[in-house]
Amino acid sequence: MLRHHPAASRPRASGNQMTPEAAMQRINLLTSHAWMVRQFLKHAEEVQEDDEMLDVHRMIYDYLRAVEPSFQRGDAAEYLRRAKGKLAKLRTQAEFFAANYQRVSDHTNFQMAAISLKFVVGQIEEVLAQVDKAEPEA
């Protein structure tokens, strides 16, 4: 049975700002979607002989493993630092996949995986921007 994640119903922030803790929870929810794209690509026969395509699911794995320990500790500052630090590489792979998935298959599953991964990256970028707005300037 699917359970509603408590963070999904919490107010995120006022005025397009977000606390680090809320941002960590939101990004964790988003990465669950990236994980499903990873699982699809990891097991898709069409990509097994294409090293560049294999790099997409490997980067998703790297991104999630980079943030996982800080999430488990509840360390929002470290989580967000790692999420920001690996985001450019994840974005590069999402853009690559969206531009090139058709060379292995134009099946709807690949189309939706490309859309989903780009969406996740865009949402993570928005969350990080909201946290940056909420942080006081030094």
C-alpha atoms as a PDB file:
ATOM      1  CA  MET A   1       0.000   0.000   0.000  1.00  0.00           C
ATOM      2  CA  LEU A   2       1.301   3.441  -0.903  1.00  0.00           C
ATOM      3  CA  ARG A   3       1.682   5.788   1.996  1.00  0.00           C
ATOM      4  CA  HIS A   4       1.480   9.538   1.826  1.00  0.00           C
ATOM      5  CA  HIS A   5       4.850  11.018   2.711  1.00  0.00           C
ATOM      6  CA  PRO A   6       4.416  13.546   5.549  1.00  0.00           C
ATOM      7  CA  ALA A   7       6.722  16.071   3.890  1.00  0.00           C
ATOM      8  CA  ALA A   8       4.496  16.221   0.828  1.00  0.00           C
ATOM      9  CA  SER A   9       1.670  17.847   2.811  1.00  0.00           C
ATOM     10  CA  ARG A  10       3.779  20.256   4.845  1.00  0.00           C
ATOM     11  CA  PRO A  11       3.898  23.882   3.830  1.00  0.00           C
ATOM     12  CA  ARG A  12       7.086  24.291   1.884  1.00  0.00           C
ATOM     13  CA  ALA A  13       7.771  27.941   2.463  1.00  0.00           C
ATOM     14  CA  SER A  14       6.209  31.306   2.182  1.00  0.00           C
ATOM     15  CA  GLY A  15       7.002  33.589  -0.723  1.00  0.00           C
ATOM     16  CA  ASN A  16       8.796  30.953  -2.804  1.00  0.00           C
ATOM     17  CA  GLN A  17      11.335  30.309  -0.052  1.00  0.00           C
ATOM     18  CA  MET A  18      12.092  26.990   1.575  1.00  0.00           C
ATOM     19  CA  THR A  19      13.869  25.901   4.728  1.00  0.00           C
ATOM     20  CA  PRO A  20      16.864  23.576   4.326  1.00  0.00           C
ATOM     21  CA  GLU A  21      14.972  20.779   6.085  1.00  0.00           C
ATOM     22  CA  ALA A  22      11.933  21.124   3.814  1.00  0.00           C
ATOM     23  CA  ALA A  23      14.234  21.284   0.775  1.00  0.00           C
ATOM     24  CA  MET A  24      15.969  18.077   1.824  1.00  0.00           C
ATOM     25  CA  GLN A  25      12.627  16.304   2.186  1.00  0.00           C
ATOM     26  CA  ARG A  26      11.378  17.607  -1.171  1.00  0.00           C
ATOM     27  CA  ILE A  27      14.547  16.640  -3.037  1.00  0.00           C
ATOM     28  CA  ASN A  28      14.432  13.206  -1.449  1.00  0.00           C
ATOM     29  CA  LEU A  29      10.920  12.734  -2.830  1.00  0.00           C
ATOM     30  CA  LEU A  30      12.079  13.889  -6.266  1.00  0.00           C
ATOM     31  CA  THR A  31      15.049  11.540  -6.286  1.00  0.00           C
ATOM     32  CA  SER A  32      12.681   8.612  -5.838  1.00  0.00           C
ATOM     33  CA  HIS A  33      11.502   9.345  -9.379  1.00  0.00           C
ATOM     34  CA  ALA A  34      15.081   9.516 -10.634  1.00  0.00           C
ATOM     35  CA  TRP A  35      15.684   6.135  -9.000  1.00  0.00           C
ATOM     36  CA  MET A  36      12.867   4.602 -11.027  1.00  0.00           C
ATOM     37  CA  VAL A  37      14.380   6.006 -14.240  1.00  0.00           C
ATOM     38  CA  ARG A  38      17.687   4.501 -13.154  1.00  0.00           C
ATOM     39  CA  GLN A  39      16.111   1.107 -12.596  1.00  0.00           C
ATOM     40  CA  PHE A  40      14.434   1.205 -15.992  1.00  0.00           C
ATOM     41  CA  LEU A  41      17.668   2.121 -17.781  1.00  0.00           C
ATOM     42  CA  LYS A  42      19.789  -0.298 -15.794  1.00  0.00           C
ATOM     43  CA  HIS A  43      17.641  -3.213 -16.944  1.00  0.00           C
ATOM     44  CA  ALA A  44      16.776  -2.039 -20.459  1.00  0.00           C
ATOM     45  CA  GLU A  45      18.403  -4.386 -22.951  1.00  0.00           C
ATOM     46  CA  GLU A  46      18.550  -1.612 -25.540  1.00  0.00           C
ATOM     47  CA  VAL A  47      21.193   0.362 -23.617  1.00  0.00           C
ATOM     48  CA  GLN A  48      23.458  -2.467 -22.484  1.00  0.00           C
ATOM     49  CA  GLU A  49      25.915  -2.068 -25.376  1.00  0.00           C
ATOM     50  CA  ASP A  50      25.959   1.745 -25.269  1.00  0.00           C
ATOM     51  CA  ASP A  51      28.512   3.087 -22.788  1.00  0.00           C
ATOM     52  CA  GLU A  52      27.186   6.647 -22.984  1.00  0.00           C
ATOM     53  CA  MET A  53      23.676   5.488 -22.173  1.00  0.00           C
ATOM     54  CA  LEU A  54      24.978   3.357 -19.311  1.00  0.00           C
ATOM     55  CA  ASP A  55      26.559   6.492 -17.869  1.00  0.00           C
ATOM     56  CA  VAL A  56      23.070   7.965 -17.387  1.00  0.00           C
ATOM     57  CA  HIS A  57      21.918   5.361 -14.868  1.00  0.00           C
ATOM     58  CA  ARG A  58      25.360   5.356 -13.240  1.00  0.00           C
ATOM     59  CA  MET A  59      25.198   9.119 -12.667  1.00  0.00           C
ATOM     60  CA  ILE A  60      21.732   8.845 -11.161  1.00  0.00           C
ATOM     61  CA  TYR A  61      23.137   6.218  -8.792  1.00  0.00           C
ATOM     62  CA  ASP A  62      26.109   8.441  -7.914  1.00  0.00           C
ATOM     63  CA  TYR A  63      23.824  11.393  -7.204  1.00  0.00           C
ATOM     64  CA  LEU A  64      21.560   9.447  -4.904  1.00  0.00           C
ATOM     65  CA  ARG A  65      24.418   7.751  -3.083  1.00  0.00           C
ATOM     66  CA  ALA A  66      26.087  11.144  -2.557  1.00  0.00           C
ATOM     67  CA  VAL A  67      23.084  12.566  -0.688  1.00  0.00           C
ATOM     68  CA  GLU A  68      21.862   9.421   1.064  1.00  0.00           C
ATOM     69  CA  PRO A  69      24.121   9.425   4.166  1.00  0.00           C
ATOM     70  CA  SER A  70      23.312  13.040   5.038  1.00  0.00           C
ATOM     71  CA  PHE A  71      19.590  12.331   4.573  1.00  0.00           C
ATOM     72  CA  GLN A  72      19.825   9.376   6.936  1.00  0.00           C
ATOM     73  CA  ARG A  73      21.548  11.597   9.531  1.00  0.00           C
ATOM     74  CA  GLY A  74      19.047  14.413   9.002  1.00  0.00           C
ATOM     75  CA  ASP A  75      21.872  16.806   8.103  1.00  0.00           C
ATOM     76  CA  ALA A  76      20.081  19.202   5.757  1.00  0.00           C
ATOM     77  CA  ALA A  77      23.074  21.526   5.259  1.00  0.00           C
ATOM     78  CA  GLU A  78      25.340  18.677   4.122  1.00  0.00           C
ATOM     79  CA  TYR A  79      22.559  17.147   2.034  1.00  0.00           C
ATOM     80  CA  LEU A  80      21.989  20.393   0.142  1.00  0.00           C
ATOM     81  CA  ARG A  81      25.721  20.954  -0.318  1.00  0.00           C
ATOM     82  CA  ARG A  82      26.055  17.518  -1.893  1.00  0.00           C
ATOM     83  CA  ALA A  83      22.856  17.912  -3.929  1.00  0.00           C
ATOM     84  CA  LYS A  84      24.194  21.173  -5.392  1.00  0.00           C
ATOM     85  CA  GLY A  85      27.667  19.757  -5.941  1.00  0.00           C
ATOM     86  CA  LYS A  86      26.501  16.816  -8.057  1.00  0.00           C
ATOM     87  CA  LEU A  87      23.642  18.569  -9.836  1.00  0.00           C
ATOM     88  CA  ALA A  88      25.614  19.779 -12.866  1.00  0.00           C
ATOM     89  CA  LYS A  89      26.653  16.213 -13.682  1.00  0.00           C
ATOM     90  CA  LEU A  90      23.106  14.933 -13.245  1.00  0.00           C
ATOM     91  CA  ARG A  91      21.789  17.751 -15.455  1.00  0.00           C
ATOM     92  CA  THR A  92      24.356  16.910 -18.141  1.00  0.00           C
ATOM     93  CA  GLN A  93      23.260  13.270 -18.163  1.00  0.00           C
ATOM     94  CA  ALA A  94      19.558  14.194 -18.201  1.00  0.00           C
ATOM     95  CA  GLU A  95      20.126  16.496 -21.178  1.00  0.00           C
ATOM     96  CA  PHE A  96      22.215  13.868 -22.945  1.00  0.00           C
ATOM     97  CA  PHE A  97      19.558  11.219 -22.420  1.00  0.00           C
ATOM     98  CA  ALA A  98      16.735  13.492 -23.597  1.00  0.00           C
ATOM     99  CA  ALA A  99      18.668  14.351 -26.750  1.00  0.00           C
ATOM    100  CA  ASN A 100      19.871  10.809 -27.523  1.00  0.00           C
ATOM    101  CA  TYR A 101      17.453   8.167 -26.215  1.00  0.00           C
ATOM    102  CA  GLN A 102      16.006   7.713 -29.712  1.00  0.00           C
ATOM    103  CA  ARG A 103      19.238   6.206 -30.953  1.00  0.00           C
ATOM    104  CA  VAL A 104      18.519   3.146 -28.808  1.00  0.00           C
ATOM    105  CA  SER A 105      14.712   3.198 -28.863  1.00  0.00           C
ATOM    106  CA  ASP A 106      11.835   5.565 -29.530  1.00  0.00           C
ATOM    107  CA  HIS A 107       9.517   3.482 -27.364  1.00  0.00           C
ATOM    108  CA  THR A 108       7.196   5.370 -25.044  1.00  0.00           C
ATOM    109  CA  ASN A 109       9.092   4.031 -22.018  1.00  0.00           C
ATOM    110  CA  PHE A 110      12.246   5.796 -23.169  1.00  0.00           C
ATOM    111  CA  GLN A 111      10.343   8.972 -24.015  1.00  0.00           C
ATOM    112  CA  MET A 112       8.746   9.078 -20.562  1.00  0.00           C
ATOM    113  CA  ALA A 113      12.034   8.262 -18.826  1.00  0.00           C
ATOM    114  CA  ALA A 114      13.704  11.195 -20.608  1.00  0.00           C
ATOM    115  CA  ILE A 115      10.870  13.553 -19.684  1.00  0.00           C
ATOM    116  CA  SER A 116      10.839  12.316 -16.099  1.00  0.00           C
ATOM    117  CA  LEU A 117      14.579  12.712 -15.572  1.00  0.00           C
ATOM    118  CA  LYS A 118      14.619  16.232 -17.005  1.00  0.00           C
ATOM    119  CA  PHE A 119      11.619  17.115 -14.840  1.00  0.00           C
ATOM    120  CA  VAL A 120      13.333  15.830 -11.701  1.00  0.00           C
ATOM    121  CA  VAL A 121      16.465  17.865 -12.440  1.00  0.00           C
ATOM    122  CA  GLY A 122      14.391  20.983 -13.063  1.00  0.00           C
ATOM    123  CA  GLN A 123      12.475  20.492  -9.832  1.00  0.00           C
ATOM    124  CA  ILE A 124      15.683  19.998  -7.836  1.00  0.00           C
ATOM    125  CA  GLU A 125      17.021  23.228  -9.335  1.00  0.00           C
ATOM    126  CA  GLU A 126      13.853  25.058  -8.273  1.00  0.00           C
ATOM    127  CA  VAL A 127      14.044  23.695  -4.733  1.00  0.00           C
ATOM    128  CA  LEU A 128      17.693  24.714  -4.403  1.00  0.00           C
ATOM    129  CA  ALA A 129      16.865  28.201  -5.705  1.00  0.00           C
ATOM    130  CA  GLN A 130      14.117  28.547  -3.086  1.00  0.00           C
ATOM    131  CA  VAL A 131      16.547  27.607  -0.319  1.00  0.00           C
ATOM    132  CA  ASP A 132      19.069  30.120  -1.623  1.00  0.00           C
ATOM    133  CA  LYS A 133      16.382  32.848  -1.436  1.00  0.00           C
ATOM    134  CA  ALA A 134      15.598  31.884   2.152  1.00  0.00           C
ATOM    135  CA  GLU A 135      19.211  32.031   3.340  1.00  0.00           C
ATOM    136  CA  PRO A 136      20.228  35.433   4.737  1.00  0.00           C
ATOM    137  CA  GLU A 137      23.016  37.174   2.879  1.00  0.00           C
ATOM    138  CA  ALA A 138      26.298  37.473   4.740  1.00  0.00           C
END
